[in-house]
Amino acid sequence: MVQQSGTGVALTGCGSAIPAQVLSNHDLSQVVDTSDEWIADRTGIRQRRLADPTTSLSQLAVTAAQSAITMAGIQPIDIDLIILATSSPDDLFGTAAKVQAELGATRAAAFDLTAACSGFVFGLVNAAQFIRTGAYETVLLIGADMLSRWVDWDDRRTCVLFGDGAGAVVLQANEPDRLLGFELRSDGSLNRSLTLSAQPQPKVLTADVIAAQGSYQPIVMDGREVYRFAVQRVPEVIEKALHRAGYSIGQVDWLLLHQANQRILDAIAQRLKIPTEKVISNLANYGNTSAASIPLALDEAVRQGKIRPGDTIAASGFGAGLSWGATLFQWGR
């Protein structure tokens, strides 16, 4: 990674949106063989929000974006670029352009970015490069997922984990630069550990030609492998981002991790020697919302007055790919 020496970046607004439906652990115990105690003990999750069949990903993304735009004190017409980090778009051809239209951000280019639970961090770094090179001044980054669409509700190992939601941030050109450092990684040799794989069905067209009719199998995860991966690799990548920024662990005000599992959050914090009171966690109420989890937790902490302007945040996303990454930034201008 080569840091740009030109225009700096600041996160100037945030927002979030969640579906109205609440599915508690007790509710889930009526669907599969599980219990509130079993789920909470192994994951830290007590409930999650699920979109109903009439709610689209774009609706959640737009609502989150509107809140972020308002906080940043800008108008949709001011946005140069929209990046939608998602693995569950409304349309496989992309949903970002639909969000652009619904926001009225008529000047903005828009595209989807897919990096699963690392999507927001990968999107943040991508957005920053457009600003640092001088190409754009204002970028809207949205992390949104509805993985309830792709859960096997008969598999208690995975169906208890995921919830739906969206979070957004506005990034703007700024001096000084508030994005202090980052590190991104991928390891496709571990891809099998967490998948939402295409499962095409044969479609005979002629005696000599068979096409593949598209469909997908539900989410499949090796929980133990993902736990080992996260606990080992995430502290390393955070330390790398800190090193690039010239910062130490002691200078970090908040650790903001992808909200996957409370045991993972606790283990990573312990390895980094970051006290519990500096760890942002809201997965008890929302579960694993994939690319939405970091901006959703950020927005909640900012609006609660927990995260204040100037606070230094170490954020890390990790998940399918396998992919993982970390950023170090200061909130606000």
C-alpha atoms as a PDB file:
ATOM      1  CA  MET A   1       0.000   0.000   0.000  1.00  0.00           C
ATOM      2  CA  VAL A   2       1.255   3.459  -0.920  1.00  0.00           C
ATOM      3  CA  GLN A   3      -0.261   6.334   0.991  1.00  0.00           C
ATOM      4  CA  GLN A   4      -1.334   9.303  -1.131  1.00  0.00           C
ATOM      5  CA  SER A   5       0.351  12.590  -0.302  1.00  0.00           C
ATOM      6  CA  GLY A   6      -2.391  14.803  -1.782  1.00  0.00           C
ATOM      7  CA  THR A   7      -5.909  15.522  -0.602  1.00  0.00           C
ATOM      8  CA  GLY A   8      -6.938  14.126   2.741  1.00  0.00           C
ATOM      9  CA  VAL A   9     -10.168  12.378   3.719  1.00  0.00           C
ATOM     10  CA  ALA A  10     -12.676  12.815   6.535  1.00  0.00           C
ATOM     11  CA  LEU A  11     -15.805  10.917   7.557  1.00  0.00           C
ATOM     12  CA  THR A  12     -18.344  13.678   8.065  1.00  0.00           C
ATOM     13  CA  GLY A  13     -21.674  11.909   8.437  1.00  0.00           C
ATOM     14  CA  CYS A  14     -23.179   8.525   9.255  1.00  0.00           C
ATOM     15  CA  GLY A  15     -26.573   6.889   9.209  1.00  0.00           C
ATOM     16  CA  SER A  16     -28.224   3.489   9.533  1.00  0.00           C
ATOM     17  CA  ALA A  17     -31.471   1.632   8.908  1.00  0.00           C
ATOM     18  CA  ILE A  18     -32.932  -1.643  10.148  1.00  0.00           C
ATOM     19  CA  PRO A  19     -36.082  -3.598   9.286  1.00  0.00           C
ATOM     20  CA  ALA A  20     -39.061  -3.448  11.650  1.00  0.00           C
ATOM     21  CA  GLN A  21     -39.341  -7.203  12.243  1.00  0.00           C
ATOM     22  CA  VAL A  22     -37.568  -8.559  15.336  1.00  0.00           C
ATOM     23  CA  LEU A  23     -36.696 -12.254  15.568  1.00  0.00           C
ATOM     24  CA  SER A  24     -35.593 -13.173  19.099  1.00  0.00           C
ATOM     25  CA  ASN A  25     -33.684 -16.258  20.143  1.00  0.00           C
ATOM     26  CA  HIS A  26     -36.869 -17.538  21.744  1.00  0.00           C
ATOM     27  CA  ASP A  27     -38.661 -17.104  18.421  1.00  0.00           C
ATOM     28  CA  LEU A  28     -35.910 -19.074  16.695  1.00  0.00           C
ATOM     29  CA  SER A  29     -36.269 -21.900  19.192  1.00  0.00           C
ATOM     30  CA  GLN A  30     -39.706 -22.480  17.647  1.00  0.00           C
ATOM     31  CA  VAL A  31     -38.134 -22.830  14.198  1.00  0.00           C
ATOM     32  CA  VAL A  32     -35.084 -25.006  14.898  1.00  0.00           C
ATOM     33  CA  ASP A  33     -33.759 -27.052  17.805  1.00  0.00           C
ATOM     34  CA  THR A  34     -32.035 -24.290  19.774  1.00  0.00           C
ATOM     35  CA  SER A  35     -32.528 -22.003  22.768  1.00  0.00           C
ATOM     36  CA  ASP A  36     -31.834 -18.471  23.874  1.00  0.00           C
ATOM     37  CA  GLU A  37     -29.153 -19.751  26.256  1.00  0.00           C
ATOM     38  CA  TRP A  38     -27.427 -21.826  23.541  1.00  0.00           C
ATOM     39  CA  ILE A  39     -27.309 -18.950  21.046  1.00  0.00           C
ATOM     40  CA  ALA A  40     -26.365 -16.218  23.512  1.00  0.00           C
ATOM     41  CA  ASP A  41     -23.608 -18.298  25.105  1.00  0.00           C
ATOM     42  CA  ARG A  42     -21.956 -19.150  21.780  1.00  0.00           C
ATOM     43  CA  THR A  43     -22.494 -15.896  19.889  1.00  0.00           C
ATOM     44  CA  GLY A  44     -23.620 -13.083  22.184  1.00  0.00           C
ATOM     45  CA  ILE A  45     -26.687 -12.556  19.974  1.00  0.00           C
ATOM     46  CA  ARG A  46     -30.107 -12.100  21.591  1.00  0.00           C
ATOM     47  CA  GLN A  47     -32.167 -10.973  18.601  1.00  0.00           C
ATOM     48  CA  ARG A  48     -31.851  -9.843  15.007  1.00  0.00           C
ATOM     49  CA  ARG A  49     -33.855  -7.716  12.542  1.00  0.00           C
ATOM     50  CA  LEU A  50     -35.289  -9.386   9.429  1.00  0.00           C
ATOM     51  CA  ALA A  51     -36.674  -7.736   6.327  1.00  0.00           C
ATOM     52  CA  ASP A  52     -40.115  -8.877   5.231  1.00  0.00           C
ATOM     53  CA  PRO A  53     -40.708  -9.894   1.598  1.00  0.00           C
ATOM     54  CA  THR A  54     -41.864  -6.379   0.661  1.00  0.00           C
ATOM     55  CA  THR A  55     -38.712  -4.642   1.933  1.00  0.00           C
ATOM     56  CA  SER A  56     -35.868  -4.174  -0.535  1.00  0.00           C
ATOM     57  CA  LEU A  57     -32.168  -3.713   0.102  1.00  0.00           C
ATOM     58  CA  SER A  58     -32.334  -0.407  -1.731  1.00  0.00           C
ATOM     59  CA  GLN A  59     -34.956   0.875   0.728  1.00  0.00           C
ATOM     60  CA  LEU A  60     -32.692   0.242   3.715  1.00  0.00           C
ATOM     61  CA  ALA A  61     -29.672   1.631   1.856  1.00  0.00           C
ATOM     62  CA  VAL A  62     -31.506   4.836   0.915  1.00  0.00           C
ATOM     63  CA  THR A  63     -32.782   5.416   4.461  1.00  0.00           C
ATOM     64  CA  ALA A  64     -29.296   4.949   5.934  1.00  0.00           C
ATOM     65  CA  ALA A  65     -27.801   7.191   3.255  1.00  0.00           C
ATOM     66  CA  GLN A  66     -30.306   9.982   3.859  1.00  0.00           C
ATOM     67  CA  SER A  67     -29.372  10.087   7.552  1.00  0.00           C
ATOM     68  CA  ALA A  68     -25.668  10.226   6.718  1.00  0.00           C
ATOM     69  CA  ILE A  69     -26.213  12.969   4.140  1.00  0.00           C
ATOM     70  CA  THR A  70     -28.175  15.060   6.668  1.00  0.00           C
ATOM     71  CA  MET A  71     -25.494  14.686   9.335  1.00  0.00           C
ATOM     72  CA  ALA A  72     -22.784  15.679   6.854  1.00  0.00           C
ATOM     73  CA  GLY A  73     -24.716  18.843   5.991  1.00  0.00           C
ATOM     74  CA  ILE A  74     -24.752  18.205   2.254  1.00  0.00           C
ATOM     75  CA  GLN A  75     -27.361  17.572  -0.438  1.00  0.00           C
ATOM     76  CA  PRO A  76     -27.637  14.472  -2.678  1.00  0.00           C
ATOM     77  CA  ILE A  77     -26.609  16.647  -5.640  1.00  0.00           C
ATOM     78  CA  ASP A  78     -23.228  17.190  -3.926  1.00  0.00           C
ATOM     79  CA  ILE A  79     -22.309  13.482  -4.091  1.00  0.00           C
ATOM     80  CA  ASP A  80     -19.773  12.516  -6.758  1.00  0.00           C
ATOM     81  CA  LEU A  81     -19.731   8.752  -6.200  1.00  0.00           C
ATOM     82  CA  ILE A  82     -21.818   6.092  -4.444  1.00  0.00           C
ATOM     83  CA  ILE A  83     -20.284   2.768  -3.434  1.00  0.00           C
ATOM     84  CA  LEU A  84     -22.699   0.114  -2.202  1.00  0.00           C
ATOM     85  CA  ALA A  85     -20.922  -2.693  -0.355  1.00  0.00           C
ATOM     86  CA  THR A  86     -23.244  -5.699  -0.414  1.00  0.00           C
ATOM     87  CA  SER A  87     -23.373  -9.435  -1.061  1.00  0.00           C
ATOM     88  CA  SER A  88     -27.164  -9.530  -1.300  1.00  0.00           C
ATOM     89  CA  PRO A  89     -28.246  -6.965  -3.903  1.00  0.00           C
ATOM     90  CA  ASP A  90     -31.815  -6.677  -5.098  1.00  0.00           C
ATOM     91  CA  ASP A  91     -30.465  -7.229  -8.610  1.00  0.00           C
ATOM     92  CA  LEU A  92     -27.402  -9.290  -9.545  1.00  0.00           C
ATOM     93  CA  PHE A  93     -26.578  -6.614 -12.125  1.00  0.00           C
ATOM     94  CA  GLY A  94     -26.204  -4.162  -9.242  1.00  0.00           C
ATOM     95  CA  THR A  95     -28.315  -2.068  -6.865  1.00  0.00           C
ATOM     96  CA  ALA A  96     -26.130   1.028  -6.384  1.00  0.00           C
ATOM     97  CA  ALA A  97     -27.566   2.829  -9.407  1.00  0.00           C
ATOM     98  CA  LYS A  98     -31.098   2.299  -8.100  1.00  0.00           C
ATOM     99  CA  VAL A  99     -30.029   3.813  -4.778  1.00  0.00           C
ATOM    100  CA  GLN A 100     -28.511   6.753  -6.675  1.00  0.00           C
ATOM    101  CA  ALA A 101     -31.804   7.394  -8.444  1.00  0.00           C
ATOM    102  CA  GLU A 102     -33.920   7.081  -5.309  1.00  0.00           C
ATOM    103  CA  LEU A 103     -31.657   9.527  -3.470  1.00  0.00           C
ATOM    104  CA  GLY A 104     -31.748  12.031  -6.311  1.00  0.00           C
ATOM    105  CA  ALA A 105     -27.942  12.048  -6.459  1.00  0.00           C
ATOM    106  CA  THR A 106     -28.031  12.815 -10.161  1.00  0.00           C
ATOM    107  CA  ARG A 107     -24.352  13.786 -10.464  1.00  0.00           C
ATOM    108  CA  ALA A 108     -23.038  10.631  -8.825  1.00  0.00           C
ATOM    109  CA  ALA A 109     -21.566   7.570 -10.466  1.00  0.00           C
ATOM    110  CA  ALA A 110     -22.569   4.412  -8.604  1.00  0.00           C
ATOM    111  CA  PHE A 111     -21.379   0.826  -8.352  1.00  0.00           C
ATOM    112  CA  ASP A 112     -21.676  -2.245  -6.136  1.00  0.00           C
ATOM    113  CA  LEU A 113     -18.676  -3.699  -4.319  1.00  0.00           C
ATOM    114  CA  THR A 114     -18.738  -7.309  -3.109  1.00  0.00           C
ATOM    115  CA  ALA A 115     -16.404  -8.362  -0.311  1.00  0.00           C
ATOM    116  CA  ALA A 116     -18.936  -9.938   2.066  1.00  0.00           C
ATOM    117  CA  CYS A 117     -18.355  -9.011   5.716  1.00  0.00           C
ATOM    118  CA  SER A 118     -15.194  -7.099   4.760  1.00  0.00           C
ATOM    119  CA  GLY A 119     -17.170  -5.017   2.275  1.00  0.00           C
ATOM    120  CA  PHE A 120     -17.403  -1.802   4.284  1.00  0.00           C
ATOM    121  CA  VAL A 121     -13.672  -1.696   5.037  1.00  0.00           C
ATOM    122  CA  PHE A 122     -12.763  -2.474   1.423  1.00  0.00           C
ATOM    123  CA  GLY A 123     -15.273   0.167   0.339  1.00  0.00           C
ATOM    124  CA  LEU A 124     -13.842   2.748   2.721  1.00  0.00           C
ATOM    125  CA  VAL A 125     -10.353   2.308   1.310  1.00  0.00           C
ATOM    126  CA  ASN A 126     -11.680   2.428  -2.268  1.00  0.00           C
ATOM    127  CA  ALA A 127     -13.648   5.596  -1.571  1.00  0.00           C
ATOM    128  CA  ALA A 128     -10.626   7.270  -0.015  1.00  0.00           C
ATOM    129  CA  GLN A 129      -8.497   6.677  -3.102  1.00  0.00           C
ATOM    130  CA  PHE A 130     -10.971   8.507  -5.353  1.00  0.00           C
ATOM    131  CA  ILE A 131     -10.759  11.504  -3.008  1.00  0.00           C
ATOM    132  CA  ARG A 132      -7.008  11.365  -2.441  1.00  0.00           C
ATOM    133  CA  THR A 133      -6.272  11.384  -6.151  1.00  0.00           C
ATOM    134  CA  GLY A 134      -8.475  14.431  -6.601  1.00  0.00           C
ATOM    135  CA  ALA A 135     -10.971  12.623  -8.819  1.00  0.00           C
ATOM    136  CA  TYR A 136     -13.906  13.239  -6.445  1.00  0.00           C
ATOM    137  CA  GLU A 137     -14.610  15.419  -3.438  1.00  0.00           C
ATOM    138  CA  THR A 138     -17.617  13.674  -1.863  1.00  0.00           C
ATOM    139  CA  VAL A 139     -18.285   9.938  -1.741  1.00  0.00           C
ATOM    140  CA  LEU A 140     -21.239   8.126  -0.169  1.00  0.00           C
ATOM    141  CA  LEU A 141     -20.326   4.655   1.093  1.00  0.00           C
ATOM    142  CA  ILE A 142     -23.131   2.295   2.082  1.00  0.00           C
ATOM    143  CA  GLY A 143     -22.810  -1.145   3.644  1.00  0.00           C
ATOM    144  CA  ALA A 144     -26.071  -3.083   3.362  1.00  0.00           C
ATOM    145  CA  ASP A 145     -27.026  -6.735   3.454  1.00  0.00           C
ATOM    146  CA  MET A 146     -30.084  -8.963   3.717  1.00  0.00           C
ATOM    147  CA  LEU A 147     -28.521 -12.352   4.302  1.00  0.00           C
ATOM    148  CA  SER A 148     -31.828 -13.643   5.682  1.00  0.00           C
ATOM    149  CA  ARG A 149     -32.648 -14.156   1.992  1.00  0.00           C
ATOM    150  CA  TRP A 150     -29.914 -16.780   1.768  1.00  0.00           C
ATOM    151  CA  VAL A 151     -30.046 -18.537   5.145  1.00  0.00           C
ATOM    152  CA  ASP A 152     -31.017 -22.190   5.524  1.00  0.00           C
ATOM    153  CA  TRP A 153     -33.616 -21.866   8.268  1.00  0.00           C
ATOM    154  CA  ASP A 154     -33.207 -25.570   9.090  1.00  0.00           C
ATOM    155  CA  ASP A 155     -29.484 -25.172   9.860  1.00  0.00           C
ATOM    156  CA  ARG A 156     -29.137 -23.961  13.440  1.00  0.00           C
ATOM    157  CA  ARG A 157     -25.385 -23.410  12.985  1.00  0.00           C
ATOM    158  CA  THR A 158     -25.974 -20.523  10.586  1.00  0.00           C
ATOM    159  CA  CYS A 159     -29.591 -19.332  10.821  1.00  0.00           C
ATOM    160  CA  VAL A 160     -29.044 -18.003  14.362  1.00  0.00           C
ATOM    161  CA  LEU A 161     -26.266 -15.666  13.238  1.00  0.00           C
ATOM    162  CA  PHE A 162     -27.534 -13.339  10.548  1.00  0.00           C
ATOM    163  CA  GLY A 163     -29.685 -10.232  10.525  1.00  0.00           C
ATOM    164  CA  ASP A 164     -30.495  -7.521   7.990  1.00  0.00           C
ATOM    165  CA  GLY A 165     -29.536  -3.862   7.996  1.00  0.00           C
ATOM    166  CA  ALA A 166     -27.744  -0.962   6.372  1.00  0.00           C
ATOM    167  CA  GLY A 167     -25.236   1.678   7.422  1.00  0.00           C
ATOM    168  CA  ALA A 168     -23.731   4.600   5.530  1.00  0.00           C
ATOM    169  CA  VAL A 169     -20.994   7.204   5.803  1.00  0.00           C
ATOM    170  CA  VAL A 170     -20.151  10.326   3.848  1.00  0.00           C
ATOM    171  CA  LEU A 171     -16.485  10.836   3.022  1.00  0.00           C
ATOM    172  CA  GLN A 172     -15.250  14.276   1.950  1.00  0.00           C
ATOM    173  CA  ALA A 173     -12.002  15.876   0.896  1.00  0.00           C
ATOM    174  CA  ASN A 174     -10.396  17.341   4.000  1.00  0.00           C
ATOM    175  CA  GLU A 175      -7.201  18.649   5.511  1.00  0.00           C
ATOM    176  CA  PRO A 176      -5.837  17.214   7.691  1.00  0.00           C
ATOM    177  CA  ASP A 177      -6.264  13.628   6.517  1.00  0.00           C
ATOM    178  CA  ARG A 178      -8.390  11.657   8.977  1.00  0.00           C
ATOM    179  CA  LEU A 179      -7.860   8.251   7.347  1.00  0.00           C
ATOM    180  CA  LEU A 180      -4.579   7.407   9.009  1.00  0.00           C
ATOM    181  CA  GLY A 181      -3.746   3.932   7.717  1.00  0.00           C
ATOM    182  CA  PHE A 182      -5.125   0.723   6.280  1.00  0.00           C
ATOM    183  CA  GLU A 183      -4.308  -2.830   5.279  1.00  0.00           C
ATOM    184  CA  LEU A 184      -6.341  -5.195   3.084  1.00  0.00           C
ATOM    185  CA  ARG A 185      -5.841  -8.944   2.692  1.00  0.00           C
ATOM    186  CA  SER A 186      -7.399 -11.953   0.922  1.00  0.00           C
ATOM    187  CA  ASP A 187      -6.784 -15.703   0.990  1.00  0.00           C
ATOM    188  CA  GLY A 188      -8.833 -17.642  -1.550  1.00  0.00           C
ATOM    189  CA  SER A 189      -7.388 -20.953  -0.382  1.00  0.00           C
ATOM    190  CA  LEU A 190      -9.789 -20.656   2.579  1.00  0.00           C
ATOM    191  CA  ASN A 191     -12.798 -19.853   0.393  1.00  0.00           C
ATOM    192  CA  ARG A 192     -14.622 -23.066   1.339  1.00  0.00           C
ATOM    193  CA  SER A 193     -14.900 -21.882   4.975  1.00  0.00           C
ATOM    194  CA  LEU A 194     -17.780 -19.513   4.237  1.00  0.00           C
ATOM    195  CA  THR A 195     -19.745 -19.638   1.005  1.00  0.00           C
ATOM    196  CA  LEU A 196     -22.964 -18.669  -0.701  1.00  0.00           C
ATOM    197  CA  SER A 197     -22.277 -20.648  -3.843  1.00  0.00           C
ATOM    198  CA  ALA A 198     -23.910 -20.788  -7.228  1.00  0.00           C
ATOM    199  CA  GLN A 199     -25.769 -24.058  -7.700  1.00  0.00           C
ATOM    200  CA  PRO A 200     -26.810 -24.114 -11.354  1.00  0.00           C
ATOM    201  CA  GLN A 201     -29.289 -26.689 -12.589  1.00  0.00           C
ATOM    202  CA  PRO A 202     -28.824 -28.308 -16.009  1.00  0.00           C
ATOM    203  CA  LYS A 203     -31.099 -26.998 -18.744  1.00  0.00           C
ATOM    204  CA  VAL A 204     -31.081 -29.062 -21.928  1.00  0.00           C
ATOM    205  CA  LEU A 205     -31.328 -26.764 -24.949  1.00  0.00           C
ATOM    206  CA  THR A 206     -30.454 -29.159 -27.753  1.00  0.00           C
ATOM    207  CA  ALA A 207     -29.014 -32.643 -28.067  1.00  0.00           C
ATOM    208  CA  ASP A 208     -25.531 -31.090 -27.984  1.00  0.00           C
ATOM    209  CA  VAL A 209     -25.954 -28.074 -25.699  1.00  0.00           C
ATOM    210  CA  ILE A 210     -26.754 -27.988 -21.981  1.00  0.00           C
ATOM    211  CA  ALA A 211     -26.978 -24.613 -20.245  1.00  0.00           C
ATOM    212  CA  ALA A 212     -26.677 -23.918 -16.532  1.00  0.00           C
ATOM    213  CA  GLN A 213     -29.895 -22.442 -15.082  1.00  0.00           C
ATOM    214  CA  GLY A 214     -28.916 -20.109 -12.249  1.00  0.00           C
ATOM    215  CA  SER A 215     -29.702 -20.601  -8.582  1.00  0.00           C
ATOM    216  CA  TYR A 216     -27.791 -20.449  -5.295  1.00  0.00           C
ATOM    217  CA  GLN A 217     -27.426 -22.755  -2.338  1.00  0.00           C
ATOM    218  CA  PRO A 218     -27.876 -21.277   1.165  1.00  0.00           C
ATOM    219  CA  ILE A 219     -25.011 -19.975   3.267  1.00  0.00           C
ATOM    220  CA  VAL A 220     -22.580 -22.678   4.389  1.00  0.00           C
ATOM    221  CA  MET A 221     -19.998 -21.947   7.092  1.00  0.00           C
ATOM    222  CA  ASP A 222     -17.300 -23.780   8.999  1.00  0.00           C
ATOM    223  CA  GLY A 223     -17.665 -21.862  12.243  1.00  0.00           C
ATOM    224  CA  ARG A 224     -14.527 -23.207  13.903  1.00  0.00           C
ATOM    225  CA  GLU A 225     -12.366 -22.390  10.895  1.00  0.00           C
ATOM    226  CA  VAL A 226     -13.752 -18.860  10.643  1.00  0.00           C
ATOM    227  CA  TYR A 227     -13.177 -18.315  14.373  1.00  0.00           C
ATOM    228  CA  ARG A 228      -9.542 -19.451  14.131  1.00  0.00           C
ATOM    229  CA  PHE A 229      -8.977 -17.315  11.059  1.00  0.00           C
ATOM    230  CA  ALA A 230     -10.456 -14.171  12.611  1.00  0.00           C
ATOM    231  CA  VAL A 231      -8.708 -14.449  15.959  1.00  0.00           C
ATOM    232  CA  GLN A 232      -5.329 -14.999  14.305  1.00  0.00           C
ATOM    233  CA  ARG A 233      -5.451 -12.710  11.262  1.00  0.00           C
ATOM    234  CA  VAL A 234      -7.472  -9.700  12.436  1.00  0.00           C
ATOM    235  CA  PRO A 235      -5.079  -8.574  15.220  1.00  0.00           C
ATOM    236  CA  GLU A 236      -2.210  -8.825  12.719  1.00  0.00           C
ATOM    237  CA  VAL A 237      -3.923  -6.635  10.140  1.00  0.00           C
ATOM    238  CA  ILE A 238      -4.927  -4.037  12.745  1.00  0.00           C
ATOM    239  CA  GLU A 239      -1.347  -3.874  13.976  1.00  0.00           C
ATOM    240  CA  LYS A 240      -0.189  -3.438  10.374  1.00  0.00           C
ATOM    241  CA  ALA A 241      -2.572  -0.510   9.851  1.00  0.00           C
ATOM    242  CA  LEU A 242      -1.380   1.040  13.105  1.00  0.00           C
ATOM    243  CA  HIS A 243       2.238   0.642  12.044  1.00  0.00           C
ATOM    244  CA  ARG A 244       1.582   2.337   8.704  1.00  0.00           C
ATOM    245  CA  ALA A 245      -0.064   5.230  10.524  1.00  0.00           C
ATOM    246  CA  GLY A 246       2.710   5.500  13.111  1.00  0.00           C
ATOM    247  CA  TYR A 247       0.242   4.854  15.911  1.00  0.00           C
ATOM    248  CA  SER A 248       0.286   2.515  18.905  1.00  0.00           C
ATOM    249  CA  ILE A 249      -2.520   0.470  20.415  1.00  0.00           C
ATOM    250  CA  GLY A 250      -2.602   2.868  23.341  1.00  0.00           C
ATOM    251  CA  GLN A 251      -3.627   5.719  21.031  1.00  0.00           C
ATOM    252  CA  VAL A 252      -6.787   3.895  19.895  1.00  0.00           C
ATOM    253  CA  ASP A 253      -9.978   5.202  21.493  1.00  0.00           C
ATOM    254  CA  TRP A 254     -12.329   2.572  20.032  1.00  0.00           C
ATOM    255  CA  LEU A 255     -12.051  -0.887  18.518  1.00  0.00           C
ATOM    256  CA  LEU A 256     -14.832  -1.299  15.954  1.00  0.00           C
ATOM    257  CA  LEU A 257     -14.954  -4.829  14.549  1.00  0.00           C
ATOM    258  CA  HIS A 258     -17.306  -6.576  12.180  1.00  0.00           C
ATOM    259  CA  GLN A 259     -20.091  -7.777  14.473  1.00  0.00           C
ATOM    260  CA  ALA A 260     -19.794 -11.502  13.837  1.00  0.00           C
ATOM    261  CA  ASN A 261     -19.622 -13.166  17.224  1.00  0.00           C
ATOM    262  CA  GLN A 262     -18.986 -11.793  20.707  1.00  0.00           C
ATOM    263  CA  ARG A 263     -16.409 -14.491  21.398  1.00  0.00           C
ATOM    264  CA  ILE A 264     -14.445 -13.316  18.358  1.00  0.00           C
ATOM    265  CA  LEU A 265     -14.657  -9.677  19.443  1.00  0.00           C
ATOM    266  CA  ASP A 266     -13.476 -10.553  22.952  1.00  0.00           C
ATOM    267  CA  ALA A 267     -10.599 -12.726  21.731  1.00  0.00           C
ATOM    268  CA  ILE A 268      -9.327 -10.074  19.293  1.00  0.00           C
ATOM    269  CA  ALA A 269      -9.504  -7.339  21.933  1.00  0.00           C
ATOM    270  CA  GLN A 270      -7.635  -9.557  24.376  1.00  0.00           C
ATOM    271  CA  ARG A 271      -4.855 -10.257  21.871  1.00  0.00           C
ATOM    272  CA  LEU A 272      -4.497  -6.551  21.158  1.00  0.00           C
ATOM    273  CA  LYS A 273      -4.647  -5.735  24.894  1.00  0.00           C
ATOM    274  CA  ILE A 274      -7.562  -3.360  24.340  1.00  0.00           C
ATOM    275  CA  PRO A 275      -9.879  -3.089  27.378  1.00  0.00           C
ATOM    276  CA  THR A 276     -13.490  -4.170  27.055  1.00  0.00           C
ATOM    277  CA  GLU A 277     -14.821  -0.643  27.587  1.00  0.00           C
ATOM    278  CA  LYS A 278     -13.133   0.442  24.334  1.00  0.00           C
ATOM    279  CA  VAL A 279     -14.813  -2.269  22.225  1.00  0.00           C
ATOM    280  CA  ILE A 280     -17.940  -1.247  20.292  1.00  0.00           C
ATOM    281  CA  SER A 281     -20.499  -4.071  20.291  1.00  0.00           C
ATOM    282  CA  ASN A 282     -24.164  -4.102  19.328  1.00  0.00           C
ATOM    283  CA  LEU A 283     -24.555  -7.581  17.825  1.00  0.00           C
ATOM    284  CA  ALA A 284     -26.742  -8.660  20.755  1.00  0.00           C
ATOM    285  CA  ASN A 285     -29.537  -6.633  19.145  1.00  0.00           C
ATOM    286  CA  TYR A 286     -28.788  -7.055  15.436  1.00  0.00           C
ATOM    287  CA  GLY A 287     -26.747 -10.209  14.873  1.00  0.00           C
ATOM    288  CA  ASN A 288     -24.297 -10.424  11.989  1.00  0.00           C
ATOM    289  CA  THR A 289     -25.403  -7.897   9.367  1.00  0.00           C
ATOM    290  CA  SER A 290     -22.378  -8.515   7.118  1.00  0.00           C
ATOM    291  CA  ALA A 291     -21.247  -5.365   5.258  1.00  0.00           C
ATOM    292  CA  ALA A 292     -23.716  -3.289   7.316  1.00  0.00           C
ATOM    293  CA  SER A 293     -22.332  -4.246  10.712  1.00  0.00           C
ATOM    294  CA  ILE A 294     -19.470  -1.741  11.055  1.00  0.00           C
ATOM    295  CA  PRO A 295     -21.348   1.372   9.831  1.00  0.00           C
ATOM    296  CA  LEU A 296     -24.462   0.329  11.783  1.00  0.00           C
ATOM    297  CA  ALA A 297     -22.426   0.073  14.999  1.00  0.00           C
ATOM    298  CA  LEU A 298     -20.564   3.295  14.170  1.00  0.00           C
ATOM    299  CA  ASP A 299     -23.781   5.239  13.643  1.00  0.00           C
ATOM    300  CA  GLU A 300     -25.299   3.956  16.865  1.00  0.00           C
ATOM    301  CA  ALA A 301     -22.186   4.862  18.880  1.00  0.00           C
ATOM    302  CA  VAL A 302     -21.944   8.340  17.320  1.00  0.00           C
ATOM    303  CA  ARG A 303     -25.609   9.142  17.949  1.00  0.00           C
ATOM    304  CA  GLN A 304     -25.329   7.891  21.527  1.00  0.00           C
ATOM    305  CA  GLY A 305     -22.442  10.325  22.090  1.00  0.00           C
ATOM    306  CA  LYS A 306     -20.022   7.497  22.740  1.00  0.00           C
ATOM    307  CA  ILE A 307     -17.813   8.222  19.714  1.00  0.00           C
ATOM    308  CA  ARG A 308     -16.937  11.920  19.571  1.00  0.00           C
ATOM    309  CA  PRO A 309     -15.254  14.110  16.945  1.00  0.00           C
ATOM    310  CA  GLY A 310     -11.513  13.493  16.946  1.00  0.00           C
ATOM    311  CA  ASP A 311     -11.728  10.009  18.441  1.00  0.00           C
ATOM    312  CA  THR A 312      -9.362   7.494  16.870  1.00  0.00           C
ATOM    313  CA  ILE A 313     -11.038   4.290  15.696  1.00  0.00           C
ATOM    314  CA  ALA A 314      -9.442   1.013  14.630  1.00  0.00           C
ATOM    315  CA  ALA A 315     -11.985  -0.789  12.434  1.00  0.00           C
ATOM    316  CA  SER A 316     -11.688  -4.239  10.921  1.00  0.00           C
ATOM    317  CA  GLY A 317     -13.904  -6.357   8.699  1.00  0.00           C
ATOM    318  CA  PHE A 318     -13.414 -10.056   8.050  1.00  0.00           C
ATOM    319  CA  GLY A 319     -15.321 -12.848   6.379  1.00  0.00           C
ATOM    320  CA  ALA A 320     -16.057 -14.723   3.182  1.00  0.00           C
ATOM    321  CA  GLY A 321     -13.433 -14.843   0.495  1.00  0.00           C
ATOM    322  CA  LEU A 322     -11.751 -15.214   2.836  1.00  0.00           C
ATOM    323  CA  SER A 323     -11.025 -11.517   3.066  1.00  0.00           C
ATOM    324  CA  TRP A 324     -10.081  -9.191   5.878  1.00  0.00           C
ATOM    325  CA  GLY A 325      -8.862  -5.666   6.346  1.00  0.00           C
ATOM    326  CA  ALA A 326      -8.372  -2.853   8.818  1.00  0.00           C
ATOM    327  CA  THR A 327      -8.510   0.920   8.789  1.00  0.00           C
ATOM    328  CA  LEU A 328      -7.448   3.511  11.329  1.00  0.00           C
ATOM    329  CA  PHE A 329      -9.363   6.770  11.183  1.00  0.00           C
ATOM    330  CA  GLN A 330     -10.437   9.737  13.275  1.00  0.00           C
ATOM    331  CA  TRP A 331     -14.140  10.539  13.368  1.00  0.00           C
ATOM    332  CA  GLY A 332     -15.224  13.877  11.925  1.00  0.00           C
ATOM    333  CA  ARG A 333     -13.243  16.713  10.423  1.00  0.00           C
END
